[in-house]
Structure formats: C-alpha cells, structure tokens
Amino acid sequence: MDTDNSASGLLKITLPFRAAVGLTENADQQWGSASVANGGTTINAVVSGVYIPENQTHFHIYHITDAGTFVYYSDSNLDDNWIARVGFTYRTDA
C-alpha cells in the first residue's frame, strides 16, 4: 500500500531481504502465521496467515473464508487504525 492517504490495492509489507527463488522441493514457497485486529470490516475468516512470494521483497497477509476461498487483505478490508501480528522465518539466496 502507498504511504499517502489514498492507499489502494493489495496489502504488501516490505521485507529487508529478497526471498529465495528456485530452491528444491518447493522450499521457496514460504508461509507464516498472522492475525489482524481493528481492521474496520467484519471478515468471516477461519484462518489468517502470511505468504512470501519467491524472489520478492514483500509479503502478503491473507485469510481463508468460511467457504474456503483464499483472499489477500486489501484496502477494502482495512481502515486507518488496524493492527497486524505476524510470525515467520524466510529463506534468502544470500
């Protein structure tokens, strides 16, 4: 999201290092845990988590709906006073 008042789109949070790419046995598919509070909307989420795309310097927070749909958080799910708690370890190429 942008840092201005008109942020829009998928929530992307910057990482300090680029995530690994091309590791064997899907080791570059990296996931973590997350919870979001005070988002400003009601989300019927069974599970929330973090996804780190390979070869990227950001991560996404997602939730899985009651129907089993995988959805990334975006500006439509969050207001200007939300809290995220995340936990993960990720691999880099360095």
N, C-alpha and C. Protein backbone atom coordinates (compact mmCIF):
# COMPACT_ATOMS: atom_id res chain seq x y z
N MET A 1 0.84 -1.18 0.00
CA MET A 1 0.00 0.00 0.00
C MET A 1 0.89 1.24 0.00
N ASP A 2 0.40 2.29 -0.57
CA ASP A 2 1.14 3.55 -0.58
C ASP A 2 1.15 4.16 0.81
N THR A 3 2.03 5.13 1.02
CA THR A 3 2.08 5.80 2.31
C THR A 3 1.22 7.05 2.35
N ASP A 4 0.52 7.36 1.29
CA ASP A 4 -0.35 8.54 1.30
C ASP A 4 -1.74 8.17 1.82
N ASN A 5 -2.63 9.14 1.88
CA ASN A 5 -3.96 8.91 2.43
C ASN A 5 -4.90 8.17 1.49
N SER A 6 -4.51 7.96 0.24
CA SER A 6 -5.39 7.31 -0.71
C SER A 6 -4.86 5.93 -1.12
N ALA A 7 -4.31 5.21 -0.18
CA ALA A 7 -3.76 3.89 -0.47
C ALA A 7 -4.84 2.97 -1.01
N SER A 8 -4.47 2.17 -2.00
CA SER A 8 -5.42 1.23 -2.57
C SER A 8 -4.70 -0.01 -3.06
N GLY A 9 -5.44 -1.09 -3.18
CA GLY A 9 -4.87 -2.32 -3.69
C GLY A 9 -4.57 -3.32 -2.60
N LEU A 10 -3.80 -4.37 -2.98
CA LEU A 10 -3.43 -5.42 -2.04
C LEU A 10 -2.43 -4.91 -1.02
N LEU A 11 -2.57 -5.39 0.20
CA LEU A 11 -1.63 -5.06 1.26
C LEU A 11 -0.31 -5.79 0.99
N LYS A 12 0.79 -5.05 0.88
CA LYS A 12 2.13 -5.61 0.71
C LYS A 12 3.02 -4.97 1.75
N ILE A 13 3.68 -5.77 2.57
CA ILE A 13 4.56 -5.26 3.61
C ILE A 13 6.00 -5.61 3.22
N THR A 14 6.87 -4.62 3.24
CA THR A 14 8.24 -4.76 2.77
C THR A 14 9.09 -5.59 3.72
N LEU A 15 9.94 -6.43 3.12
CA LEU A 15 10.92 -7.23 3.84
C LEU A 15 12.32 -6.62 3.66
N PRO A 16 13.24 -6.85 4.59
CA PRO A 16 14.58 -6.28 4.44
C PRO A 16 15.44 -6.99 3.40
N PHE A 17 15.13 -8.25 3.07
CA PHE A 17 15.91 -9.01 2.09
C PHE A 17 14.98 -9.69 1.10
N ARG A 18 15.46 -9.92 -0.12
CA ARG A 18 14.69 -10.61 -1.15
C ARG A 18 14.55 -12.09 -0.79
N ALA A 19 13.35 -12.63 -0.94
CA ALA A 19 13.09 -14.04 -0.66
C ALA A 19 13.76 -14.92 -1.71
N ALA A 20 14.11 -16.13 -1.33
CA ALA A 20 14.80 -17.07 -2.21
C ALA A 20 13.95 -17.45 -3.41
N VAL A 21 14.64 -17.94 -4.45
CA VAL A 21 13.96 -18.40 -5.65
C VAL A 21 14.68 -19.65 -6.16
N GLY A 22 13.90 -20.59 -6.71
CA GLY A 22 14.48 -21.77 -7.35
C GLY A 22 15.02 -22.83 -6.40
N LEU A 23 14.55 -22.88 -5.18
CA LEU A 23 15.02 -23.91 -4.24
C LEU A 23 14.33 -25.23 -4.55
N THR A 24 14.95 -26.31 -4.20
CA THR A 24 14.38 -27.64 -4.48
C THR A 24 13.23 -27.96 -3.54
N GLU A 25 12.39 -28.87 -3.98
CA GLU A 25 11.27 -29.40 -3.21
C GLU A 25 10.36 -28.31 -2.64
N ASN A 26 10.13 -27.25 -3.44
CA ASN A 26 9.23 -26.15 -3.06
C ASN A 26 9.65 -25.41 -1.79
N ALA A 27 10.93 -25.44 -1.46
CA ALA A 27 11.41 -24.77 -0.26
C ALA A 27 11.28 -23.25 -0.35
N ASP A 28 11.07 -22.72 -1.56
CA ASP A 28 10.90 -21.28 -1.70
C ASP A 28 9.43 -20.85 -1.58
N GLN A 29 8.53 -21.80 -1.33
CA GLN A 29 7.14 -21.46 -1.02
C GLN A 29 7.06 -21.26 0.49
N GLN A 30 6.99 -20.01 0.91
CA GLN A 30 7.16 -19.69 2.33
C GLN A 30 5.89 -19.08 2.91
N TRP A 31 5.51 -19.58 4.06
CA TRP A 31 4.26 -19.21 4.72
C TRP A 31 4.54 -18.89 6.19
N GLY A 32 3.65 -18.17 6.81
CA GLY A 32 3.77 -17.86 8.23
C GLY A 32 2.40 -17.65 8.84
N SER A 33 2.39 -17.23 10.09
CA SER A 33 1.12 -17.01 10.79
C SER A 33 0.84 -15.51 10.90
N ALA A 34 -0.43 -15.18 11.02
CA ALA A 34 -0.83 -13.77 11.13
C ALA A 34 -2.20 -13.64 11.77
N SER A 35 -2.41 -12.51 12.40
CA SER A 35 -3.74 -12.13 12.85
C SER A 35 -3.89 -10.63 12.63
N VAL A 36 -5.11 -10.21 12.34
CA VAL A 36 -5.40 -8.80 12.10
C VAL A 36 -6.52 -8.40 13.04
N ALA A 37 -6.34 -7.25 13.70
CA ALA A 37 -7.35 -6.74 14.62
C ALA A 37 -7.69 -5.30 14.23
N ASN A 38 -8.88 -4.88 14.60
CA ASN A 38 -9.33 -3.50 14.36
C ASN A 38 -9.25 -3.11 12.88
N GLY A 39 -9.59 -4.05 12.01
CA GLY A 39 -9.47 -3.79 10.58
C GLY A 39 -10.51 -2.84 10.02
N GLY A 40 -11.60 -2.67 10.71
CA GLY A 40 -12.63 -1.76 10.22
C GLY A 40 -13.75 -2.46 9.46
N THR A 41 -13.58 -3.73 9.15
CA THR A 41 -14.63 -4.51 8.50
C THR A 41 -14.74 -5.85 9.20
N THR A 42 -15.87 -6.51 9.03
CA THR A 42 -16.07 -7.84 9.59
C THR A 42 -15.70 -8.86 8.53
N ILE A 43 -14.75 -9.72 8.86
CA ILE A 43 -14.31 -10.76 7.93
C ILE A 43 -14.57 -12.11 8.59
N ASN A 44 -15.31 -12.95 7.92
CA ASN A 44 -15.55 -14.30 8.43
C ASN A 44 -14.39 -15.19 8.02
N ALA A 45 -13.26 -15.03 8.72
CA ALA A 45 -12.05 -15.77 8.37
C ALA A 45 -11.86 -16.93 9.32
N VAL A 46 -11.67 -18.10 8.78
CA VAL A 46 -11.37 -19.28 9.57
C VAL A 46 -9.88 -19.29 9.91
N VAL A 47 -9.05 -18.92 8.96
CA VAL A 47 -7.60 -18.93 9.10
C VAL A 47 -7.03 -17.65 8.49
N SER A 48 -6.00 -17.09 9.13
CA SER A 48 -5.23 -15.99 8.55
C SER A 48 -3.78 -16.41 8.52
N GLY A 49 -3.01 -15.81 7.65
CA GLY A 49 -1.60 -16.15 7.56
C GLY A 49 -0.83 -15.18 6.70
N VAL A 50 0.46 -15.52 6.49
CA VAL A 50 1.38 -14.72 5.71
C VAL A 50 1.88 -15.57 4.55
N TYR A 51 1.95 -14.97 3.37
CA TYR A 51 2.55 -15.62 2.20
C TYR A 51 3.67 -14.74 1.69
N ILE A 52 4.86 -15.34 1.49
CA ILE A 52 6.02 -14.62 0.98
C ILE A 52 6.31 -15.15 -0.43
N PRO A 53 6.01 -14.37 -1.47
CA PRO A 53 6.27 -14.84 -2.83
C PRO A 53 7.77 -15.00 -3.08
N GLU A 54 8.14 -16.03 -3.85
CA GLU A 54 9.56 -16.23 -4.16
C GLU A 54 10.11 -15.04 -4.94
N ASN A 55 11.37 -14.73 -4.66
CA ASN A 55 12.11 -13.68 -5.37
C ASN A 55 11.49 -12.29 -5.20
N GLN A 56 10.82 -12.04 -4.09
CA GLN A 56 10.18 -10.74 -3.83
C GLN A 56 10.69 -10.16 -2.52
N THR A 57 10.49 -8.86 -2.33
CA THR A 57 10.90 -8.18 -1.10
C THR A 57 9.69 -7.69 -0.31
N HIS A 58 8.61 -8.46 -0.35
CA HIS A 58 7.41 -8.12 0.40
C HIS A 58 6.67 -9.40 0.77
N PHE A 59 5.71 -9.25 1.68
CA PHE A 59 4.81 -10.36 1.97
C PHE A 59 3.38 -9.87 1.99
N HIS A 60 2.46 -10.80 1.85
CA HIS A 60 1.02 -10.53 1.89
C HIS A 60 0.43 -11.17 3.13
N ILE A 61 -0.60 -10.56 3.68
CA ILE A 61 -1.40 -11.19 4.72
C ILE A 61 -2.69 -11.65 4.05
N TYR A 62 -3.09 -12.88 4.32
CA TYR A 62 -4.28 -13.44 3.69
C TYR A 62 -5.23 -13.99 4.75
N HIS A 63 -6.45 -14.27 4.33
CA HIS A 63 -7.39 -15.01 5.17
C HIS A 63 -8.13 -16.00 4.29
N ILE A 64 -8.62 -17.03 4.92
CA ILE A 64 -9.42 -18.04 4.23
C ILE A 64 -10.83 -17.94 4.77
N THR A 65 -11.78 -17.75 3.88
CA THR A 65 -13.16 -17.55 4.27
C THR A 65 -13.82 -18.86 4.71
N ASP A 66 -15.02 -18.74 5.25
CA ASP A 66 -15.79 -19.94 5.63
C ASP A 66 -16.00 -20.87 4.45
N ALA A 67 -16.06 -20.31 3.25
CA ALA A 67 -16.28 -21.10 2.03
C ALA A 67 -14.99 -21.72 1.51
N GLY A 68 -13.85 -21.42 2.16
CA GLY A 68 -12.57 -22.00 1.74
C GLY A 68 -11.83 -21.18 0.70
N THR A 69 -12.25 -19.94 0.48
CA THR A 69 -11.61 -19.09 -0.51
C THR A 69 -10.39 -18.39 0.10
N PHE A 70 -9.26 -18.39 -0.62
CA PHE A 70 -8.01 -17.76 -0.23
C PHE A 70 -8.06 -16.30 -0.70
N VAL A 71 -7.97 -15.32 0.23
CA VAL A 71 -8.13 -13.90 -0.11
C VAL A 71 -7.03 -13.09 0.56
N TYR A 72 -6.32 -12.27 -0.24
CA TYR A 72 -5.34 -11.34 0.34
C TYR A 72 -6.07 -10.14 0.94
N TYR A 73 -5.54 -9.60 2.05
CA TYR A 73 -6.08 -8.36 2.60
C TYR A 73 -5.78 -7.22 1.63
N SER A 74 -6.70 -6.28 1.54
CA SER A 74 -6.54 -5.12 0.67
C SER A 74 -7.11 -3.89 1.37
N ASP A 75 -7.11 -2.78 0.66
CA ASP A 75 -7.65 -1.54 1.22
C ASP A 75 -9.12 -1.67 1.59
N SER A 76 -9.85 -2.58 0.96
CA SER A 76 -11.27 -2.72 1.27
C SER A 76 -11.50 -3.46 2.59
N ASN A 77 -10.47 -4.13 3.13
CA ASN A 77 -10.59 -4.84 4.40
C ASN A 77 -10.07 -4.05 5.60
N LEU A 78 -9.32 -2.98 5.36
CA LEU A 78 -8.60 -2.30 6.43
C LEU A 78 -8.93 -0.81 6.46
N ASP A 79 -8.99 -0.26 7.68
CA ASP A 79 -9.16 1.18 7.81
C ASP A 79 -7.81 1.78 8.19
N ASP A 80 -7.80 2.97 8.78
CA ASP A 80 -6.53 3.63 9.10
C ASP A 80 -6.03 3.32 10.51
N ASN A 81 -6.63 2.34 11.20
CA ASN A 81 -6.26 2.05 12.58
C ASN A 81 -6.21 0.55 12.84
N TRP A 82 -5.58 -0.23 11.99
CA TRP A 82 -5.56 -1.68 12.12
C TRP A 82 -4.24 -2.15 12.71
N ILE A 83 -4.26 -3.36 13.23
CA ILE A 83 -3.08 -3.96 13.87
C ILE A 83 -2.86 -5.34 13.25
N ALA A 84 -1.62 -5.62 12.88
CA ALA A 84 -1.27 -6.95 12.36
C ALA A 84 -0.20 -7.55 13.26
N ARG A 85 -0.36 -8.82 13.53
CA ARG A 85 0.65 -9.59 14.26
C ARG A 85 1.07 -10.73 13.34
N VAL A 86 2.35 -10.80 13.03
CA VAL A 86 2.84 -11.82 12.11
C VAL A 86 4.02 -12.56 12.72
N GLY A 87 4.21 -13.79 12.29
CA GLY A 87 5.36 -14.59 12.70
C GLY A 87 5.78 -15.50 11.57
N PHE A 88 7.05 -15.40 11.16
CA PHE A 88 7.54 -16.26 10.10
C PHE A 88 9.06 -16.20 10.04
N THR A 89 9.64 -17.17 9.41
CA THR A 89 11.05 -17.19 9.04
C THR A 89 11.09 -17.41 7.54
N TYR A 90 11.96 -16.71 6.84
CA TYR A 90 12.01 -16.91 5.39
C TYR A 90 13.44 -17.10 4.91
N ARG A 91 13.58 -17.75 3.76
CA ARG A 91 14.87 -18.04 3.18
C ARG A 91 15.23 -17.01 2.12
N THR A 92 16.52 -16.69 2.05
CA THR A 92 17.03 -15.79 1.02
C THR A 92 18.08 -16.52 0.20
N ASP A 93 18.50 -15.94 -0.91
CA ASP A 93 19.56 -16.52 -1.72
C ASP A 93 20.95 -16.13 -1.22
N ALA A 94 21.02 -15.17 -0.32
CA ALA A 94 22.33 -14.67 0.16
C ALA A 94 22.96 -15.63 1.14
